Amino acid sequence: SGCDVEETGDPFSPMGSGTMDFSAYEKVTLGWIPQQPHVTSAKRYTLASPAFKTTLPQALVVDTEHGSWWIEYRSQLRGLVIRFVDYQPFGRTSFATSSVLILNPTKVGRPWVRRGESYRFPGSFRMTLERAGLAQATVRFR
């Protein structure tokens, strides 16, 4: 996809080098939040931060033939963080597949998508962050 990635040292998760909350993918894997919705059509979605208890989706998942793209809203950043989970990691393991943080999704030198910016998932949707509030965001898929 031409994106920079970092397999370790995620600055947004305590499972990496970060001090923020666990990612939505990690919370689903641990059973702390329910399975999250999968994007199957072009439309707008409301997304809440995974840091708070809510009935709103706390992540959106875009499935492709190679793996899943996990999108979550980080209210501290007022932006979207994107991670990739490979369906076929190297080697067989009994552990959950690690997610890989997309370090520069909009090619402007930061690991998140700001309001008004877009990201295209290879072979799939284009996503734009339309609104970024204190606790939730509006994300549009085309």
Protein backbone atom coordinates (compact mmCIF):
# COMPACT_ATOMS: atom_id res chain seq x y z
CA SER A 1 0.00 0.00 0.00
CA GLY A 2 3.04 2.30 0.19
CA CYS A 3 2.39 3.12 3.87
CA ASP A 4 5.03 3.06 6.58
CA VAL A 5 4.32 0.52 9.30
CA GLU A 6 5.84 -0.37 12.65
CA GLU A 7 5.23 -3.82 14.10
CA THR A 8 6.42 -2.96 17.62
CA GLY A 9 6.48 0.18 19.68
CA ASP A 10 2.93 1.36 18.96
CA PRO A 11 2.88 4.82 20.61
CA PHE A 12 -0.89 4.58 21.22
CA SER A 13 -1.00 1.28 23.12
CA PRO A 14 0.56 -0.05 26.33
CA MET A 15 1.22 -3.24 24.33
CA GLY A 16 3.76 -1.16 22.39
CA SER A 17 5.63 1.84 23.71
CA GLY A 18 2.59 4.00 24.41
CA THR A 19 0.89 5.10 27.57
CA MET A 20 -2.60 5.61 26.12
CA ASP A 21 -5.38 3.04 26.42
CA PHE A 22 -5.41 -0.34 24.66
CA SER A 23 -6.54 -0.31 21.04
CA ALA A 24 -10.05 -1.39 20.08
CA TYR A 25 -8.58 -4.47 18.38
CA GLU A 26 -6.77 -5.42 21.61
CA LYS A 27 -9.93 -4.85 23.66
CA VAL A 28 -11.99 -7.07 21.33
CA THR A 29 -9.28 -9.74 21.46
CA LEU A 30 -9.29 -9.59 25.27
CA GLY A 31 -13.11 -9.72 25.39
CA TRP A 32 -13.40 -6.29 27.01
CA ILE A 33 -15.65 -4.87 24.28
CA PRO A 34 -17.93 -6.70 21.80
CA GLN A 35 -17.07 -7.52 18.20
CA GLN A 36 -17.09 -4.34 16.13
CA PRO A 37 -19.03 -3.63 12.91
CA HIS A 38 -17.55 -4.43 9.52
CA VAL A 39 -17.87 -1.86 6.75
CA THR A 40 -19.79 -3.44 3.89
CA SER A 41 -21.18 -0.42 2.07
CA ALA A 42 -20.40 3.19 1.32
CA LYS A 43 -22.07 5.37 3.99
CA ARG A 44 -21.46 7.51 7.09
CA TYR A 45 -20.70 5.95 10.47
CA THR A 46 -20.59 7.42 13.96
CA LEU A 47 -17.60 6.16 15.89
CA ALA A 48 -16.87 6.58 19.62
CA SER A 49 -13.54 6.37 21.36
CA PRO A 50 -12.67 2.90 22.73
CA ALA A 51 -11.60 4.63 25.96
CA PHE A 52 -15.21 5.02 27.17
CA LYS A 53 -18.14 2.68 27.74
CA THR A 54 -20.72 3.27 25.02
CA THR A 55 -23.29 1.57 22.82
CA LEU A 56 -21.78 3.19 19.71
CA PRO A 57 -19.20 1.34 17.60
CA GLN A 58 -15.68 1.81 19.01
CA ALA A 59 -13.96 0.66 15.85
CA LEU A 60 -14.81 -0.02 12.24
CA VAL A 61 -13.33 -3.01 10.46
CA VAL A 62 -12.65 -3.11 6.71
CA ASP A 63 -12.03 -6.65 5.48
CA THR A 64 -9.87 -7.23 2.42
CA GLU A 65 -8.45 -10.40 0.89
CA HIS A 66 -5.17 -9.87 2.78
CA GLY A 67 -6.47 -8.90 6.19
CA SER A 68 -8.52 -6.44 8.21
CA TRP A 69 -8.08 -2.72 8.60
CA TRP A 70 -9.16 -1.49 12.06
CA ILE A 71 -10.14 2.17 12.36
CA GLU A 72 -10.63 3.78 15.75
CA TYR A 73 -11.22 7.32 16.93
CA ARG A 74 -8.77 8.72 19.46
CA SER A 75 -10.43 11.72 21.07
CA GLN A 76 -7.11 12.93 22.55
CA LEU A 77 -5.82 13.36 18.99
CA ARG A 78 -9.15 14.30 17.44
CA GLY A 79 -8.19 11.82 14.76
CA LEU A 80 -8.45 8.30 13.43
CA VAL A 81 -5.79 5.67 14.02
CA ILE A 82 -5.53 2.83 11.50
CA ARG A 83 -4.12 -0.62 12.15
CA PHE A 84 -3.78 -3.65 9.89
CA VAL A 85 -4.27 -7.24 11.03
CA ASP A 86 -2.77 -9.78 8.61
CA TYR A 87 -4.94 -12.87 8.07
CA GLN A 88 -1.89 -15.03 7.49
CA PRO A 89 0.94 -14.04 9.82
CA PHE A 90 4.30 -15.78 9.49
CA GLY A 91 4.36 -19.08 11.36
CA ARG A 92 1.62 -20.74 13.36
CA THR A 93 0.94 -19.56 16.88
CA SER A 94 -1.68 -19.94 19.56
CA PHE A 95 -1.55 -16.20 20.23
CA ALA A 96 -3.80 -13.57 18.67
CA THR A 97 -2.43 -11.93 15.54
CA SER A 98 -0.72 -8.62 16.27
CA SER A 99 -1.99 -5.44 14.72
CA VAL A 100 0.34 -3.16 12.78
CA LEU A 101 -0.02 0.60 13.19
CA ILE A 102 -0.06 2.59 9.95
CA LEU A 103 2.48 5.31 10.73
CA ASN A 104 1.81 7.80 7.94
CA PRO A 105 -1.67 7.17 6.50
CA THR A 106 -2.11 10.60 4.89
CA LYS A 107 1.55 11.15 3.92
CA VAL A 108 1.93 14.23 6.16
CA GLY A 109 4.26 12.74 8.78
CA ARG A 110 1.90 11.71 11.60
CA PRO A 111 0.24 8.41 12.51
CA TRP A 112 -3.38 9.56 12.45
CA VAL A 113 -6.01 11.02 10.11
CA ARG A 114 -7.33 14.49 10.94
CA ARG A 115 -10.74 15.98 10.15
CA GLY A 116 -11.06 16.57 6.41
CA GLU A 117 -8.36 14.04 5.50
CA SER A 118 -8.90 10.75 3.68
CA TYR A 119 -7.31 7.32 3.52
CA ARG A 120 -7.81 4.73 0.80
CA PHE A 121 -7.80 1.07 1.83
CA PRO A 122 -5.99 -0.88 -0.91
CA GLY A 123 -8.55 -2.64 -3.10
CA SER A 124 -11.48 -1.38 -1.04
CA PHE A 125 -13.04 1.80 0.37
CA ARG A 126 -11.90 5.37 0.73
CA MET A 127 -12.52 6.81 4.20
CA THR A 128 -12.77 10.47 5.25
CA LEU A 129 -12.96 11.86 8.78
CA GLU A 130 -15.77 14.39 8.51
CA ARG A 131 -16.35 15.37 12.15
CA ALA A 132 -14.12 15.03 15.20
CA GLY A 133 -15.76 15.86 18.54
CA LEU A 134 -14.84 15.39 22.18
CA ALA A 135 -16.13 11.81 22.41
CA GLN A 136 -17.14 10.71 18.91
CA ALA A 137 -16.50 11.20 15.22
CA THR A 138 -18.28 10.91 11.89
CA VAL A 139 -16.51 8.82 9.27
CA ARG A 140 -17.60 8.59 5.65
CA PHE A 141 -16.82 5.63 3.42
CA ARG A 142 -16.97 5.84 -0.39
